[in-house]
Amino acid sequence: MVNVFLNNKWLKLSPAFNKSLSDIYDVPALDFDGKSDSFLQAYTSDGSLFMEYLEDYGHYEELPFDFMVQNMKSHYPSIFEKYKDQNMFYL
């Protein structure tokens, strides 16, 4: 997700799903009109749940890397099990 300040308004944008990736996952491609949020698809084209967004952690001027790692460790501890003695991890 990217937060963009445009025309005196904060907008939430998610540039993660281009048209070809949207087609693969059967989610509608997002439109951006410059006025409204264009944020991750919650549903597939047929209305089935695709993703659920439970938290919004607000805006950060700089990437909150330590926060992100701690948050991922608390929600997905198994990812970090095999890298517990390393300073880097790979997803």
C-alpha atoms as a PDB file:
ATOM      1  CA  MET A   1       0.000   0.000   0.000  1.00  0.00           C
ATOM      2  CA  VAL A   2       1.115   3.516  -0.749  1.00  0.00           C
ATOM      3  CA  ASN A   3      -0.289   6.698   0.739  1.00  0.00           C
ATOM      4  CA  VAL A   4      -0.309   9.612  -1.672  1.00  0.00           C
ATOM      5  CA  PHE A   5      -1.088  13.227  -0.828  1.00  0.00           C
ATOM      6  CA  LEU A   6      -2.846  14.495  -3.946  1.00  0.00           C
ATOM      7  CA  ASN A   7      -4.944  17.644  -4.296  1.00  0.00           C
ATOM      8  CA  ASN A   8      -4.822  18.272  -0.518  1.00  0.00           C
ATOM      9  CA  LYS A   9      -6.139  14.791   0.284  1.00  0.00           C
ATOM     10  CA  TRP A  10      -4.517  11.543   1.451  1.00  0.00           C
ATOM     11  CA  LEU A  11      -5.365   8.560  -0.744  1.00  0.00           C
ATOM     12  CA  LYS A  12      -4.637   4.854  -0.218  1.00  0.00           C
ATOM     13  CA  LEU A  13      -3.316   3.143  -3.321  1.00  0.00           C
ATOM     14  CA  SER A  14      -2.164  -0.393  -3.947  1.00  0.00           C
ATOM     15  CA  PRO A  15      -0.057  -0.763  -7.072  1.00  0.00           C
ATOM     16  CA  ALA A  16       0.490  -4.480  -6.451  1.00  0.00           C
ATOM     17  CA  PHE A  17      -2.025  -5.945  -8.908  1.00  0.00           C
ATOM     18  CA  ASN A  18      -1.591  -4.972 -12.527  1.00  0.00           C
ATOM     19  CA  LYS A  19      -4.079  -6.173 -15.156  1.00  0.00           C
ATOM     20  CA  SER A  20      -2.351  -9.500 -15.869  1.00  0.00           C
ATOM     21  CA  LEU A  21      -1.996 -10.387 -12.176  1.00  0.00           C
ATOM     22  CA  SER A  22      -5.610  -9.368 -11.566  1.00  0.00           C
ATOM     23  CA  ASP A  23      -6.666 -11.732 -14.349  1.00  0.00           C
ATOM     24  CA  ILE A  24      -4.665 -14.612 -12.826  1.00  0.00           C
ATOM     25  CA  TYR A  25      -6.372 -14.193  -9.438  1.00  0.00           C
ATOM     26  CA  ASP A  26      -9.769 -13.337 -10.948  1.00  0.00           C
ATOM     27  CA  VAL A  27      -9.990 -10.000  -9.187  1.00  0.00           C
ATOM     28  CA  PRO A  28     -11.041  -6.796 -10.892  1.00  0.00           C
ATOM     29  CA  ALA A  29      -8.241  -4.443 -11.858  1.00  0.00           C
ATOM     30  CA  LEU A  30      -8.344  -1.310  -9.745  1.00  0.00           C
ATOM     31  CA  ASP A  31      -9.145   2.026 -11.315  1.00  0.00           C
ATOM     32  CA  PHE A  32      -7.595   5.254 -10.061  1.00  0.00           C
ATOM     33  CA  ASP A  33      -9.510   8.466 -10.628  1.00  0.00           C
ATOM     34  CA  GLY A  34      -7.198  10.754  -8.644  1.00  0.00           C
ATOM     35  CA  LYS A  35      -9.989  11.465  -6.141  1.00  0.00           C
ATOM     36  CA  SER A  36     -10.735   8.200  -4.331  1.00  0.00           C
ATOM     37  CA  ASP A  37      -8.792   5.376  -2.714  1.00  0.00           C
ATOM     38  CA  SER A  38      -7.740   2.602  -5.072  1.00  0.00           C
ATOM     39  CA  PHE A  39      -6.994  -0.076  -2.533  1.00  0.00           C
ATOM     40  CA  LEU A  40      -6.501  -3.851  -2.604  1.00  0.00           C
ATOM     41  CA  GLN A  41      -9.316  -6.032  -3.868  1.00  0.00           C
ATOM     42  CA  ALA A  42     -11.347  -7.710  -1.139  1.00  0.00           C
ATOM     43  CA  TYR A  43     -13.449  -9.825  -3.522  1.00  0.00           C
ATOM     44  CA  THR A  44     -13.005 -11.833  -6.698  1.00  0.00           C
ATOM     45  CA  SER A  45     -14.925 -11.014  -9.856  1.00  0.00           C
ATOM     46  CA  ASP A  46     -17.747 -13.373  -8.810  1.00  0.00           C
ATOM     47  CA  GLY A  47     -18.063 -11.795  -5.329  1.00  0.00           C
ATOM     48  CA  SER A  48     -16.141 -14.425  -3.340  1.00  0.00           C
ATOM     49  CA  LEU A  49     -13.901 -13.216  -0.517  1.00  0.00           C
ATOM     50  CA  PHE A  50     -10.336 -12.810  -1.815  1.00  0.00           C
ATOM     51  CA  MET A  51      -8.550 -10.992   1.041  1.00  0.00           C
ATOM     52  CA  GLU A  52      -9.644  -9.540   4.341  1.00  0.00           C
ATOM     53  CA  TYR A  53      -8.015  -6.410   5.735  1.00  0.00           C
ATOM     54  CA  LEU A  54      -8.132  -6.321   9.522  1.00  0.00           C
ATOM     55  CA  GLU A  55      -5.737  -3.546  10.527  1.00  0.00           C
ATOM     56  CA  ASP A  56      -4.681  -0.126   9.312  1.00  0.00           C
ATOM     57  CA  TYR A  57      -1.462   0.990  10.979  1.00  0.00           C
ATOM     58  CA  GLY A  58      -1.594   4.563   9.735  1.00  0.00           C
ATOM     59  CA  HIS A  59       0.881   6.664   7.798  1.00  0.00           C
ATOM     60  CA  TYR A  60       4.664   6.591   8.169  1.00  0.00           C
ATOM     61  CA  GLU A  61       7.086   9.076   6.664  1.00  0.00           C
ATOM     62  CA  GLU A  62       9.779   6.405   6.611  1.00  0.00           C
ATOM     63  CA  LEU A  63       9.505   2.655   6.272  1.00  0.00           C
ATOM     64  CA  PRO A  64       8.855   1.245   9.790  1.00  0.00           C
ATOM     65  CA  PHE A  65      11.011  -1.833   9.191  1.00  0.00           C
ATOM     66  CA  ASP A  66      11.393  -2.914  12.841  1.00  0.00           C
ATOM     67  CA  PHE A  67       7.648  -2.591  13.393  1.00  0.00           C
ATOM     68  CA  MET A  68       6.964  -4.602  10.253  1.00  0.00           C
ATOM     69  CA  VAL A  69       9.290  -7.424  11.305  1.00  0.00           C
ATOM     70  CA  GLN A  70       7.811  -7.582  14.812  1.00  0.00           C
ATOM     71  CA  ASN A  71       4.287  -7.558  13.413  1.00  0.00           C
ATOM     72  CA  MET A  72       5.071 -10.361  10.980  1.00  0.00           C
ATOM     73  CA  LYS A  73       6.749 -12.373  13.736  1.00  0.00           C
ATOM     74  CA  SER A  74       3.661 -12.075  15.913  1.00  0.00           C
ATOM     75  CA  HIS A  75       1.266 -13.061  13.116  1.00  0.00           C
ATOM     76  CA  TYR A  76       3.426 -15.566  11.198  1.00  0.00           C
ATOM     77  CA  PRO A  77       5.933 -17.031  13.673  1.00  0.00           C
ATOM     78  CA  SER A  78       6.568 -20.157  11.582  1.00  0.00           C
ATOM     79  CA  ILE A  79       8.190 -18.061   8.835  1.00  0.00           C
ATOM     80  CA  PHE A  80      10.870 -16.941  11.271  1.00  0.00           C
ATOM     81  CA  GLU A  81      11.528 -20.288  12.969  1.00  0.00           C
ATOM     82  CA  LYS A  82      14.138 -21.433  10.472  1.00  0.00           C
ATOM     83  CA  TYR A  83      15.852 -18.013  10.436  1.00  0.00           C
ATOM     84  CA  LYS A  84      15.808 -17.361  14.204  1.00  0.00           C
ATOM     85  CA  ASP A  85      19.603 -17.017  14.480  1.00  0.00           C
ATOM     86  CA  GLN A  86      19.982 -14.851  11.374  1.00  0.00           C
ATOM     87  CA  ASN A  87      19.718 -11.128  10.792  1.00  0.00           C
ATOM     88  CA  MET A  88      17.977 -11.619   7.458  1.00  0.00           C
ATOM     89  CA  PHE A  89      14.932 -13.548   6.403  1.00  0.00           C
ATOM     90  CA  TYR A  90      13.468 -14.496   3.056  1.00  0.00           C
ATOM     91  CA  LEU A  91       9.805 -14.903   2.193  1.00  0.00           C
END
